[in-house]
Amino acid sequence: MGADFSVVMTTIDSDDGARKIVAAALAAKLAACVQVFPIRSHYVWKGELREEAEFLVQLKARTADYQALAAVIRRVHSYEVPEILRLDIADGDKAYLDWIAQATERPAVEGS
C-alpha cells in the first residue's frame, strides 16, 4: 500500500509563495497534508555559488497524482526552474495512509 503514496517536495524563496503552493494543492485535493520548513539552501545557479533562505514544502500525496500536483506547483511557483521531487513511500502506518487516500479522494471524472 505504501507505494501508492509519495512525498512531493519543492523549495521556494518566500513564505507567501509557500502558502500559495499549499493552498493550491489542498484546494485541488492533490495533497492531504503539507509541511513548510524554513531552510538554508546552498547551490550553483548559472555558474554562481549561492546561499539563500528558502522554504521547503513537503506534500503528502497519491503517487498517481504526481503529474497533476507538479503542474499545480509549476503554475504558482516563482522560480525559473523549480525543484519538484517525488519520493515514493515504501511503507507507512496503515491508518495514516488510509487518511491520505480519504483526504485526496475526488469524484471520478467520466472517461478516465
N, C-alpha and C. Protein backbone atom coordinates (compact mmCIF):
# COMPACT_ATOMS: atom_id res chain seq x y z
N MET A 1 0.82 -1.21 0.00
CA MET A 1 0.00 0.00 0.00
C MET A 1 0.85 1.26 0.00
N GLY A 2 2.05 1.21 0.59
CA GLY A 2 2.90 2.38 0.70
C GLY A 2 3.26 3.01 -0.62
N ALA A 3 3.56 2.19 -1.65
CA ALA A 3 3.99 2.73 -2.94
C ALA A 3 2.88 3.52 -3.63
N ASP A 4 1.67 3.44 -3.13
CA ASP A 4 0.57 4.21 -3.69
C ASP A 4 0.66 5.68 -3.31
N PHE A 5 1.57 6.01 -2.39
CA PHE A 5 1.68 7.36 -1.86
C PHE A 5 3.11 7.87 -1.96
N SER A 6 3.23 9.20 -2.01
CA SER A 6 4.54 9.83 -2.15
C SER A 6 4.61 11.10 -1.32
N VAL A 7 5.84 11.54 -1.08
CA VAL A 7 6.09 12.87 -0.56
C VAL A 7 6.65 13.66 -1.73
N VAL A 8 5.99 14.74 -2.08
CA VAL A 8 6.46 15.61 -3.15
C VAL A 8 7.07 16.83 -2.47
N MET A 9 8.27 17.19 -2.94
CA MET A 9 8.99 18.29 -2.30
C MET A 9 9.31 19.39 -3.31
N THR A 10 9.27 20.61 -2.81
CA THR A 10 9.72 21.75 -3.59
C THR A 10 10.31 22.76 -2.61
N THR A 11 11.08 23.69 -3.13
CA THR A 11 11.58 24.80 -2.32
C THR A 11 11.15 26.10 -2.99
N ILE A 12 11.01 27.14 -2.18
CA ILE A 12 10.60 28.44 -2.70
C ILE A 12 11.17 29.52 -1.79
N ASP A 13 11.28 30.74 -2.31
CA ASP A 13 12.01 31.79 -1.61
C ASP A 13 11.19 32.63 -0.63
N SER A 14 9.89 32.37 -0.50
CA SER A 14 9.11 33.20 0.43
C SER A 14 8.01 32.39 1.10
N ASP A 15 7.64 32.85 2.28
CA ASP A 15 6.53 32.23 3.00
C ASP A 15 5.24 32.39 2.19
N ASP A 16 5.05 33.55 1.58
CA ASP A 16 3.87 33.79 0.76
C ASP A 16 3.82 32.80 -0.41
N GLY A 17 4.94 32.57 -1.06
CA GLY A 17 4.99 31.61 -2.15
C GLY A 17 4.67 30.20 -1.68
N ALA A 18 5.20 29.84 -0.52
CA ALA A 18 4.91 28.52 0.06
C ALA A 18 3.41 28.40 0.34
N ARG A 19 2.82 29.43 0.89
CA ARG A 19 1.38 29.41 1.19
C ARG A 19 0.54 29.26 -0.08
N LYS A 20 0.98 29.85 -1.18
CA LYS A 20 0.26 29.71 -2.45
C LYS A 20 0.29 28.26 -2.92
N ILE A 21 1.45 27.61 -2.78
CA ILE A 21 1.57 26.20 -3.16
C ILE A 21 0.66 25.35 -2.28
N VAL A 22 0.72 25.59 -0.97
CA VAL A 22 -0.12 24.85 -0.02
C VAL A 22 -1.60 25.01 -0.38
N ALA A 23 -2.04 26.23 -0.55
CA ALA A 23 -3.45 26.49 -0.83
C ALA A 23 -3.90 25.83 -2.13
N ALA A 24 -3.08 25.93 -3.17
CA ALA A 24 -3.45 25.35 -4.47
C ALA A 24 -3.52 23.83 -4.40
N ALA A 25 -2.55 23.21 -3.74
CA ALA A 25 -2.52 21.74 -3.64
C ALA A 25 -3.67 21.21 -2.80
N LEU A 26 -3.95 21.85 -1.67
CA LEU A 26 -5.04 21.39 -0.81
C LEU A 26 -6.40 21.65 -1.45
N ALA A 27 -6.57 22.80 -2.10
CA ALA A 27 -7.84 23.10 -2.74
C ALA A 27 -8.17 22.10 -3.84
N ALA A 28 -7.15 21.65 -4.55
CA ALA A 28 -7.34 20.68 -5.64
C ALA A 28 -7.42 19.24 -5.12
N LYS A 29 -7.25 19.06 -3.81
CA LYS A 29 -7.23 17.73 -3.19
C LYS A 29 -6.12 16.86 -3.78
N LEU A 30 -5.00 17.49 -4.12
CA LEU A 30 -3.84 16.77 -4.64
C LEU A 30 -2.84 16.48 -3.53
N ALA A 31 -3.07 17.01 -2.35
CA ALA A 31 -2.24 16.73 -1.18
C ALA A 31 -3.15 16.62 0.02
N ALA A 32 -2.79 15.71 0.92
CA ALA A 32 -3.57 15.53 2.14
C ALA A 32 -3.04 16.41 3.26
N CYS A 33 -1.74 16.62 3.25
CA CYS A 33 -1.06 17.33 4.33
C CYS A 33 0.17 17.98 3.74
N VAL A 34 0.48 19.17 4.18
CA VAL A 34 1.67 19.87 3.68
C VAL A 34 2.41 20.48 4.87
N GLN A 35 3.71 20.27 4.90
CA GLN A 35 4.54 20.91 5.90
C GLN A 35 5.49 21.88 5.22
N VAL A 36 5.74 23.00 5.89
CA VAL A 36 6.63 24.04 5.37
C VAL A 36 7.70 24.30 6.43
N PHE A 37 8.96 24.21 5.99
CA PHE A 37 10.10 24.38 6.89
C PHE A 37 11.01 25.49 6.37
N PRO A 38 11.44 26.42 7.22
CA PRO A 38 12.48 27.37 6.78
C PRO A 38 13.82 26.65 6.71
N ILE A 39 14.56 26.87 5.64
CA ILE A 39 15.86 26.21 5.45
C ILE A 39 16.86 27.18 4.85
N ARG A 40 18.13 26.79 4.78
CA ARG A 40 19.17 27.50 4.03
C ARG A 40 19.60 26.57 2.91
N SER A 41 19.60 27.06 1.71
CA SER A 41 20.00 26.25 0.56
C SER A 41 21.31 26.78 -0.01
N HIS A 42 22.17 25.85 -0.38
CA HIS A 42 23.47 26.15 -0.98
C HIS A 42 23.48 25.46 -2.33
N TYR A 43 23.76 26.19 -3.40
CA TYR A 43 23.70 25.61 -4.73
C TYR A 43 24.46 26.48 -5.72
N VAL A 44 24.66 25.95 -6.92
CA VAL A 44 25.26 26.70 -8.01
C VAL A 44 24.16 26.98 -9.02
N TRP A 45 23.99 28.27 -9.35
CA TRP A 45 22.98 28.67 -10.33
C TRP A 45 23.64 29.57 -11.36
N LYS A 46 23.61 29.15 -12.62
CA LYS A 46 24.20 29.90 -13.72
C LYS A 46 25.65 30.25 -13.43
N GLY A 47 26.38 29.24 -12.91
CA GLY A 47 27.81 29.39 -12.65
C GLY A 47 28.18 30.12 -11.38
N GLU A 48 27.21 30.53 -10.61
CA GLU A 48 27.46 31.30 -9.38
C GLU A 48 27.08 30.49 -8.15
N LEU A 49 27.99 30.44 -7.17
CA LEU A 49 27.71 29.77 -5.91
C LEU A 49 26.74 30.65 -5.12
N ARG A 50 25.63 30.06 -4.68
CA ARG A 50 24.59 30.82 -3.99
C ARG A 50 24.29 30.20 -2.63
N GLU A 51 23.85 31.03 -1.72
CA GLU A 51 23.32 30.61 -0.42
C GLU A 51 22.11 31.48 -0.15
N GLU A 52 20.96 30.84 0.04
CA GLU A 52 19.71 31.58 0.16
C GLU A 52 18.84 31.00 1.27
N ALA A 53 18.06 31.85 1.90
CA ALA A 53 16.99 31.39 2.78
C ALA A 53 15.84 30.95 1.89
N GLU A 54 15.31 29.77 2.15
CA GLU A 54 14.19 29.26 1.39
C GLU A 54 13.22 28.56 2.33
N PHE A 55 12.13 28.10 1.75
CA PHE A 55 11.15 27.29 2.47
C PHE A 55 11.04 25.96 1.75
N LEU A 56 11.19 24.87 2.50
CA LEU A 56 11.00 23.52 1.98
C LEU A 56 9.53 23.16 2.18
N VAL A 57 8.87 22.77 1.11
CA VAL A 57 7.46 22.42 1.14
C VAL A 57 7.37 20.92 0.86
N GLN A 58 6.81 20.15 1.81
CA GLN A 58 6.63 18.71 1.65
C GLN A 58 5.14 18.41 1.62
N LEU A 59 4.72 17.76 0.54
CA LEU A 59 3.31 17.47 0.32
C LEU A 59 3.09 15.97 0.31
N LYS A 60 2.16 15.46 1.12
CA LYS A 60 1.82 14.03 1.14
C LYS A 60 0.72 13.83 0.11
N ALA A 61 0.96 12.92 -0.85
CA ALA A 61 0.05 12.81 -1.98
C ALA A 61 -0.04 11.38 -2.48
N ARG A 62 -1.01 11.14 -3.34
CA ARG A 62 -1.11 9.88 -4.06
C ARG A 62 -0.05 9.90 -5.17
N THR A 63 0.66 8.81 -5.33
CA THR A 63 1.66 8.72 -6.39
C THR A 63 1.03 8.97 -7.75
N ALA A 64 -0.17 8.46 -7.97
CA ALA A 64 -0.85 8.63 -9.25
C ALA A 64 -1.15 10.10 -9.56
N ASP A 65 -1.16 10.96 -8.54
CA ASP A 65 -1.46 12.38 -8.73
C ASP A 65 -0.20 13.23 -8.95
N TYR A 66 0.96 12.60 -9.03
CA TYR A 66 2.21 13.37 -9.12
C TYR A 66 2.21 14.38 -10.27
N GLN A 67 1.87 13.95 -11.47
CA GLN A 67 1.93 14.87 -12.62
C GLN A 67 1.00 16.06 -12.42
N ALA A 68 -0.20 15.82 -11.94
CA ALA A 68 -1.16 16.91 -11.69
C ALA A 68 -0.64 17.84 -10.60
N LEU A 69 -0.07 17.27 -9.54
CA LEU A 69 0.47 18.08 -8.45
C LEU A 69 1.66 18.90 -8.93
N ALA A 70 2.54 18.29 -9.70
CA ALA A 70 3.69 19.01 -10.25
C ALA A 70 3.22 20.17 -11.12
N ALA A 71 2.17 19.97 -11.90
CA ALA A 71 1.63 21.04 -12.75
C ALA A 71 1.10 22.20 -11.90
N VAL A 72 0.43 21.88 -10.80
CA VAL A 72 -0.07 22.93 -9.89
C VAL A 72 1.10 23.70 -9.29
N ILE A 73 2.13 22.98 -8.85
CA ILE A 73 3.30 23.64 -8.27
C ILE A 73 3.93 24.57 -9.31
N ARG A 74 4.14 24.08 -10.53
CA ARG A 74 4.74 24.90 -11.59
C ARG A 74 3.90 26.15 -11.86
N ARG A 75 2.57 25.99 -11.85
CA ARG A 75 1.68 27.10 -12.16
C ARG A 75 1.81 28.26 -11.16
N VAL A 76 2.00 27.94 -9.87
CA VAL A 76 2.03 29.01 -8.86
C VAL A 76 3.45 29.35 -8.41
N HIS A 77 4.45 28.61 -8.87
CA HIS A 77 5.83 28.79 -8.43
C HIS A 77 6.47 29.99 -9.11
N SER A 78 7.36 30.65 -8.39
CA SER A 78 8.02 31.84 -8.93
C SER A 78 9.38 31.55 -9.58
N TYR A 79 9.92 30.36 -9.41
CA TYR A 79 11.26 30.07 -9.93
C TYR A 79 11.24 29.72 -11.41
N GLU A 80 12.32 30.07 -12.09
CA GLU A 80 12.51 29.69 -13.49
C GLU A 80 12.56 28.17 -13.62
N VAL A 81 13.27 27.51 -12.70
CA VAL A 81 13.37 26.04 -12.67
C VAL A 81 13.09 25.58 -11.25
N PRO A 82 11.82 25.33 -10.92
CA PRO A 82 11.51 24.90 -9.55
C PRO A 82 11.95 23.47 -9.28
N GLU A 83 12.40 23.24 -8.06
CA GLU A 83 12.67 21.87 -7.60
C GLU A 83 11.32 21.22 -7.37
N ILE A 84 11.09 20.10 -8.05
CA ILE A 84 9.88 19.31 -7.80
C ILE A 84 10.33 17.85 -7.81
N LEU A 85 10.34 17.23 -6.64
CA LEU A 85 10.81 15.86 -6.49
C LEU A 85 9.72 15.00 -5.88
N ARG A 86 9.65 13.75 -6.34
CA ARG A 86 8.71 12.78 -5.77
C ARG A 86 9.50 11.68 -5.09
N LEU A 87 9.25 11.48 -3.81
CA LEU A 87 9.86 10.40 -3.05
C LEU A 87 8.75 9.43 -2.70
N ASP A 88 8.80 8.24 -3.27
CA ASP A 88 7.75 7.25 -3.01
C ASP A 88 7.86 6.70 -1.60
N ILE A 89 6.74 6.51 -0.97
CA ILE A 89 6.67 5.96 0.38
C ILE A 89 6.65 4.44 0.26
N ALA A 90 7.70 3.79 0.74
CA ALA A 90 7.80 2.33 0.67
C ALA A 90 6.81 1.66 1.60
N ASP A 91 6.57 2.27 2.75
CA ASP A 91 5.66 1.71 3.72
C ASP A 91 5.30 2.82 4.70
N GLY A 92 4.22 2.62 5.42
CA GLY A 92 3.79 3.61 6.39
C GLY A 92 2.66 3.05 7.23
N ASP A 93 2.33 3.78 8.26
CA ASP A 93 1.23 3.38 9.14
C ASP A 93 -0.06 3.31 8.32
N LYS A 94 -0.74 2.18 8.36
CA LYS A 94 -1.94 1.97 7.54
C LYS A 94 -2.99 3.04 7.79
N ALA A 95 -3.22 3.39 9.04
CA ALA A 95 -4.24 4.40 9.34
C ALA A 95 -3.88 5.75 8.71
N TYR A 96 -2.60 6.11 8.74
CA TYR A 96 -2.18 7.38 8.15
C TYR A 96 -2.32 7.34 6.63
N LEU A 97 -1.90 6.24 6.01
CA LEU A 97 -2.02 6.12 4.56
C LEU A 97 -3.49 6.10 4.13
N ASP A 98 -4.34 5.46 4.93
CA ASP A 98 -5.77 5.48 4.65
C ASP A 98 -6.31 6.91 4.71
N TRP A 99 -5.80 7.69 5.66
CA TRP A 99 -6.23 9.09 5.78
C TRP A 99 -5.80 9.89 4.55
N ILE A 100 -4.57 9.67 4.07
CA ILE A 100 -4.12 10.36 2.85
C ILE A 100 -5.07 10.03 1.70
N ALA A 101 -5.40 8.75 1.56
CA ALA A 101 -6.32 8.33 0.49
C ALA A 101 -7.66 9.04 0.62
N GLN A 102 -8.20 9.09 1.83
CA GLN A 102 -9.50 9.74 2.05
C GLN A 102 -9.41 11.24 1.79
N ALA A 103 -8.36 11.88 2.24
CA ALA A 103 -8.23 13.34 2.12
C ALA A 103 -8.00 13.79 0.68
N THR A 104 -7.51 12.90 -0.17
CA THR A 104 -7.25 13.26 -1.57
C THR A 104 -8.26 12.63 -2.52
N GLU A 105 -9.34 12.11 -1.98
CA GLU A 105 -10.36 11.48 -2.80
C GLU A 105 -11.15 12.57 -3.52
N ARG A 106 -11.28 12.41 -4.83
CA ARG A 106 -12.03 13.34 -5.66
C ARG A 106 -13.05 12.55 -6.47
N PRO A 107 -14.12 13.19 -6.88
CA PRO A 107 -15.10 12.49 -7.72
C PRO A 107 -14.43 11.98 -8.98
N ALA A 108 -14.80 10.79 -9.42
CA ALA A 108 -14.26 10.23 -10.65
C ALA A 108 -14.68 11.09 -11.83
N VAL A 109 -13.75 11.28 -12.77
CA VAL A 109 -14.05 12.04 -13.97
C VAL A 109 -14.48 11.05 -15.04
N GLU A 110 -15.60 11.35 -15.67
CA GLU A 110 -16.13 10.46 -16.71
C GLU A 110 -15.10 10.29 -17.82
N GLY A 111 -14.91 9.04 -18.26
CA GLY A 111 -13.99 8.76 -19.34
C GLY A 111 -12.58 8.48 -18.89
N SER A 112 -12.31 8.52 -17.57
CA SER A 112 -10.95 8.23 -17.10
C SER A 112 -10.90 6.96 -16.31
